[in-house]
Protein backbone atom coordinates (compact mmCIF):
# COMPACT_ATOMS: atom_id res chain seq x y z
CA MET A 1 -110.18 -68.15 -91.14
CA ARG A 2 -110.57 -64.68 -89.77
CA SER A 3 -106.95 -64.41 -88.79
CA MET A 4 -105.89 -65.50 -92.33
CA ALA A 5 -108.17 -62.86 -93.75
CA LEU A 6 -106.67 -60.06 -91.50
CA ALA A 7 -103.04 -61.11 -92.73
CA LEU A 8 -104.11 -61.20 -96.28
CA LEU A 9 -105.34 -57.50 -95.86
CA ALA A 10 -102.33 -56.57 -94.00
CA LEU A 11 -100.16 -57.83 -97.19
CA VAL A 12 -102.29 -55.96 -99.77
CA ALA A 13 -101.91 -52.89 -97.56
CA CYS A 14 -98.14 -53.20 -97.43
CA GLN A 15 -97.87 -53.28 -101.33
CA ARG A 16 -99.73 -49.97 -101.59
CA SER A 17 -97.23 -48.39 -99.08
CA ASP A 18 -93.60 -47.79 -99.25
CA LYS A 19 -93.43 -48.34 -95.71
CA PRO A 20 -92.94 -51.96 -94.47
CA ALA A 21 -95.54 -53.01 -91.90
CA VAL A 22 -95.15 -55.32 -88.98
CA ILE A 23 -97.62 -58.23 -88.54
CA ALA A 24 -98.06 -59.28 -85.02
CA PRO A 25 -98.51 -63.03 -84.49
CA THR A 26 -102.18 -62.34 -83.56
CA GLY A 27 -102.95 -60.69 -86.89
CA VAL A 28 -102.77 -57.22 -85.41
CA VAL A 29 -101.03 -54.40 -87.57
CA ILE A 30 -98.40 -52.60 -85.80
CA ALA A 31 -97.47 -49.04 -87.16
CA PRO A 32 -95.04 -48.81 -89.77
CA ARG A 33 -91.49 -47.82 -88.63
CA GLY A 34 -90.83 -44.09 -88.63
CA GLU A 35 -94.34 -42.84 -87.86
CA LEU A 36 -94.80 -40.86 -84.78
CA ILE A 37 -97.47 -41.72 -82.15
CA ALA A 38 -98.75 -38.72 -80.04
CA PRO A 39 -98.49 -39.37 -76.36
CA ALA A 40 -101.73 -39.70 -74.48
CA ALA A 41 -102.70 -36.76 -71.94
CA THR A 42 -101.13 -37.34 -68.51
CA ASP A 43 -102.56 -35.93 -65.29
CA PRO A 44 -100.34 -33.82 -63.25
CA LEU A 45 -98.32 -35.07 -60.50
CA PRO A 46 -99.76 -34.58 -56.95
CA ALA A 47 -98.27 -31.80 -54.94
CA HIS A 48 -95.70 -32.69 -52.22
CA GLY A 49 -97.32 -33.02 -48.86
CA PHE A 50 -95.75 -31.82 -45.52
CA VAL A 51 -95.00 -34.19 -42.65
CA THR A 52 -94.76 -33.08 -39.00
CA LEU A 53 -91.68 -34.35 -37.19
CA ASP A 54 -92.21 -34.88 -33.51
CA THR A 55 -88.87 -34.10 -31.96
CA SER A 56 -89.92 -34.10 -28.21
CA LEU A 57 -88.30 -36.36 -25.83
CA LYS A 58 -89.85 -39.78 -25.47
CA ALA A 59 -87.74 -41.20 -22.58
CA ARG A 60 -85.43 -40.09 -20.07
CA ARG A 61 -81.84 -39.41 -21.10
CA ARG A 62 -79.53 -42.13 -20.07
CA ALA A 63 -75.92 -41.82 -19.23
CA VAL A 64 -73.38 -43.21 -21.86
CA PRO A 65 -71.75 -46.39 -20.47
CA ALA A 66 -68.49 -45.71 -18.77
CA GLU A 67 -66.53 -47.97 -21.25
CA VAL A 68 -67.55 -45.27 -24.13
CA VAL A 69 -66.59 -42.52 -21.69
CA LEU A 70 -62.96 -43.65 -21.07
CA ARG A 71 -62.70 -44.78 -24.89
CA ALA A 72 -63.71 -41.16 -25.83
CA TYR A 73 -61.37 -39.65 -23.21
CA LEU A 74 -58.50 -41.71 -24.56
CA GLY A 75 -59.37 -40.73 -28.02
CA TRP A 76 -59.05 -36.96 -27.02
CA PHE A 77 -55.82 -37.47 -25.90
CA GLY A 78 -54.63 -38.62 -29.31
CA GLY A 79 -55.72 -42.27 -29.06
CA LEU A 80 -53.25 -42.95 -26.27
CA ALA A 81 -53.29 -46.26 -24.20
CA PRO A 82 -54.57 -45.76 -20.56
CA ARG A 83 -51.00 -45.65 -19.12
CA GLU A 84 -49.78 -42.98 -21.72
CA ALA A 85 -52.89 -40.90 -21.22
CA PHE A 86 -52.24 -41.03 -17.29
CA LEU A 87 -48.55 -39.96 -17.76
CA ARG A 88 -49.50 -36.87 -20.06
CA ALA A 89 -52.16 -35.72 -18.14
CA ARG A 90 -50.65 -36.23 -14.53
CA GLY A 91 -48.58 -32.96 -15.02
CA ASN A 92 -48.46 -31.07 -11.56
CA ASP A 93 -51.09 -33.31 -9.93
CA LEU A 94 -53.80 -32.57 -12.70
CA PHE A 95 -54.53 -36.41 -12.64
CA ASP A 96 -54.83 -38.94 -10.07
CA GLN A 97 -54.48 -42.82 -10.55
CA TRP A 98 -56.97 -44.34 -12.94
CA SER A 99 -58.56 -46.18 -10.08
CA TYR A 100 -60.00 -42.95 -8.45
CA TYR A 101 -61.86 -42.35 -11.59
CA LEU A 102 -63.11 -45.71 -12.72
CA ALA A 103 -65.79 -46.28 -10.19
CA ALA A 104 -66.74 -42.52 -10.34
CA LEU A 105 -67.57 -42.95 -13.86
CA GLY A 106 -69.77 -45.79 -13.30
CA LEU A 107 -67.72 -49.08 -13.53
CA PRO A 108 -68.35 -51.88 -11.09
CA ASP A 109 -65.51 -52.59 -8.60
CA HIS A 110 -65.78 -56.18 -7.93
CA HIS A 111 -63.31 -56.03 -5.11
CA VAL A 112 -65.71 -54.01 -2.96
CA ASP A 113 -68.75 -55.39 -4.48
CA ALA A 114 -69.63 -52.03 -5.76
CA PRO A 115 -72.10 -52.32 -8.58
CA ARG A 116 -72.31 -50.50 -12.00
CA VAL A 117 -73.70 -46.77 -11.65
CA SER A 118 -76.86 -46.55 -13.77
CA GLN A 119 -77.41 -42.76 -13.68
CA SER A 120 -75.41 -39.79 -13.47
CA ASN A 121 -74.63 -38.19 -10.01
CA THR A 122 -72.79 -35.19 -8.49
CA VAL A 123 -69.55 -37.41 -7.98
CA MET A 124 -69.63 -38.57 -11.60
CA LEU A 125 -70.04 -34.99 -12.85
CA ALA A 126 -67.24 -33.62 -10.42
CA THR A 127 -65.01 -36.44 -11.96
CA MET A 128 -65.62 -35.58 -15.46
CA GLY A 129 -64.83 -31.98 -14.60
CA ARG A 130 -61.45 -33.08 -13.10
CA MET A 131 -60.76 -35.28 -16.18
CA GLY A 132 -61.78 -32.42 -18.59
CA GLU A 133 -59.64 -29.96 -16.68
CA ALA A 134 -56.50 -31.95 -16.96
CA LEU A 135 -57.04 -33.02 -20.59
CA CYS A 136 -57.83 -29.22 -21.66
CA ILE A 137 -54.69 -27.75 -19.68
CA ARG A 138 -52.21 -30.49 -20.81
CA SER A 139 -53.55 -29.95 -24.36
CA ILE A 140 -53.10 -26.21 -24.12
CA GLU A 141 -49.87 -26.53 -23.12
CA ARG A 142 -48.74 -29.07 -25.92
CA ASP A 143 -50.88 -27.35 -28.76
CA LEU A 144 -50.80 -23.75 -27.83
CA ARG A 145 -48.19 -22.86 -25.32
CA THR A 146 -44.97 -24.17 -27.24
CA ARG A 147 -46.39 -22.79 -30.63
CA THR A 148 -43.89 -25.27 -32.27
CA THR A 149 -46.43 -28.21 -32.69
CA PRO A 150 -47.59 -28.24 -36.31
CA LEU A 151 -51.12 -27.64 -36.89
CA ALA A 152 -51.87 -31.18 -38.37
CA ASP A 153 -50.41 -32.69 -35.12
CA ARG A 154 -52.40 -30.87 -32.65
CA VAL A 155 -55.00 -32.98 -30.95
CA ILE A 156 -57.65 -30.65 -29.33
CA PHE A 157 -56.46 -26.98 -30.11
CA ALA A 158 -56.16 -27.25 -33.89
CA PHE A 159 -56.11 -23.48 -34.39
CA GLU A 160 -53.96 -20.41 -33.70
CA PRO A 161 -54.83 -18.11 -30.50
CA VAL A 162 -57.34 -15.47 -30.65
CA VAL A 163 -55.96 -11.78 -30.68
CA GLY A 164 -58.48 -9.90 -28.63
CA PRO A 165 -62.10 -10.62 -28.16
CA ASP A 166 -62.91 -11.12 -31.82
CA ARG A 167 -66.22 -12.86 -32.17
CA ALA A 168 -65.82 -14.31 -35.59
CA ALA A 169 -62.34 -15.58 -34.82
CA PHE A 170 -63.69 -17.13 -31.57
CA ALA A 171 -66.72 -18.69 -33.51
CA SER A 172 -64.42 -20.49 -36.14
CA ARG A 173 -62.08 -21.87 -33.33
CA PHE A 174 -65.06 -22.81 -31.20
CA ASP A 175 -66.52 -24.87 -33.97
CA VAL A 176 -63.28 -26.91 -34.01
CA LEU A 177 -63.85 -27.94 -30.56
CA HIS A 178 -67.34 -28.24 -30.95
CA ARG A 179 -66.79 -30.86 -33.62
CA THR A 180 -64.27 -32.56 -31.28
CA PHE A 181 -66.47 -33.12 -28.36
CA LEU A 182 -70.06 -32.95 -29.59
CA GLY A 183 -69.56 -34.53 -33.05
CA TYR A 184 -71.30 -31.84 -35.21
CA PRO A 185 -70.79 -28.24 -36.26
CA ALA A 186 -71.75 -25.57 -33.78
CA THR A 187 -73.87 -23.93 -36.56
CA LEU A 188 -76.22 -26.73 -36.09
CA ALA A 189 -76.47 -26.30 -32.29
CA PRO A 190 -79.01 -23.95 -30.61
CA THR A 191 -78.53 -20.58 -31.74
CA THR A 192 -77.48 -19.09 -28.70
CA ARG A 193 -74.76 -21.82 -27.91
CA THR A 194 -71.92 -19.83 -29.50
CA GLU A 195 -72.84 -16.55 -27.87
CA ARG A 196 -72.97 -18.17 -24.48
CA PHE A 197 -69.59 -19.88 -24.80
CA PHE A 198 -68.19 -16.51 -26.14
CA ALA A 199 -69.28 -14.97 -22.91
CA LEU A 200 -67.71 -17.51 -20.91
CA TYR A 201 -64.44 -17.08 -23.04
CA ARG A 202 -64.67 -13.31 -22.37
CA ALA A 203 -65.55 -13.56 -18.49
CA VAL A 204 -62.47 -16.01 -17.97
CA ALA A 205 -60.00 -13.96 -19.95
CA ALA A 206 -61.20 -10.67 -18.12
CA ARG A 207 -60.81 -12.14 -14.64
CA HIS A 208 -57.39 -13.73 -15.29
CA ARG A 209 -54.71 -12.69 -12.71
CA GLY A 210 -51.73 -14.66 -13.96
CA GLY A 211 -50.55 -18.20 -13.53
CA ARG A 212 -49.27 -20.92 -15.50
CA LEU A 213 -51.46 -19.87 -18.41
CA THR A 214 -52.20 -16.64 -20.18
CA ALA A 215 -55.56 -15.01 -20.22
CA ASP A 216 -56.22 -16.46 -23.63
CA GLU A 217 -55.10 -19.95 -22.84
CA THR A 218 -57.18 -19.98 -19.21
CA ALA A 219 -60.22 -18.70 -21.19
CA TRP A 220 -59.72 -21.71 -23.87
CA ALA A 221 -59.44 -23.98 -21.17
CA ALA A 222 -62.49 -23.20 -19.60
CA VAL A 223 -64.36 -23.43 -22.85
CA CYS A 224 -62.86 -26.87 -23.53
CA THR A 225 -63.52 -27.83 -20.06
CA ALA A 226 -67.18 -26.93 -20.25
CA LEU A 227 -67.62 -28.84 -23.63
CA VAL A 228 -66.24 -31.93 -22.03
CA GLN A 229 -68.79 -31.74 -19.30
CA HIS A 230 -71.67 -30.92 -21.70
CA PRO A 231 -74.72 -33.11 -21.42
CA GLU A 232 -74.54 -34.03 -25.14
CA ALA A 233 -71.08 -35.68 -24.49
CA TRP A 234 -72.40 -38.02 -21.76
CA LEU A 235 -76.12 -38.57 -22.34
CA TYR A 236 -78.23 -40.16 -24.97
């Protein structure tokens, strides 16, 4: 009976108004269309908090598996097969047989029962340096020496040589190598990294006494080889 009474009252109110009312099934009258309902007061949003990020090293760094090292090396040579990379790197005895490098990089040798190397050692570091030297010198000769390889087809040195000890010119070119070998822009590296490699470039160029490469080419080969041997390339 009460709900019927509420419905009758709503009909009477509707006849006295030019705005149609809506009656809910429960008998509650909803405000007519067109009327504005003021929003309720809201509390302000809480302020943003700060979270401290702990970037300290939690475990001892480990060497990247030898298979990953070899895949990266072949990729730096332009995605070549092992035989093709060997032929390109070999010029003037810069590269030996692959068998001389595989065990030193950590791969097991089942012929002599040599186990997989689980951590870096001096022989491995020397091998990485030798492979990096072969890669960088041969890439210098291909990318910078001929000056005929289109910029888009250059594998490592995808830039023009530096004219004089220009720090800004060096930084932009160093960033290309940094992205290639370490995978991120040099601007995100420690602030002194570009300066230290620029000092290496100038020192090598100043001590150049002739040879198969010019002073600029020799300096870039040294920078390239140092990046190949960088801990961030071989440890994780």
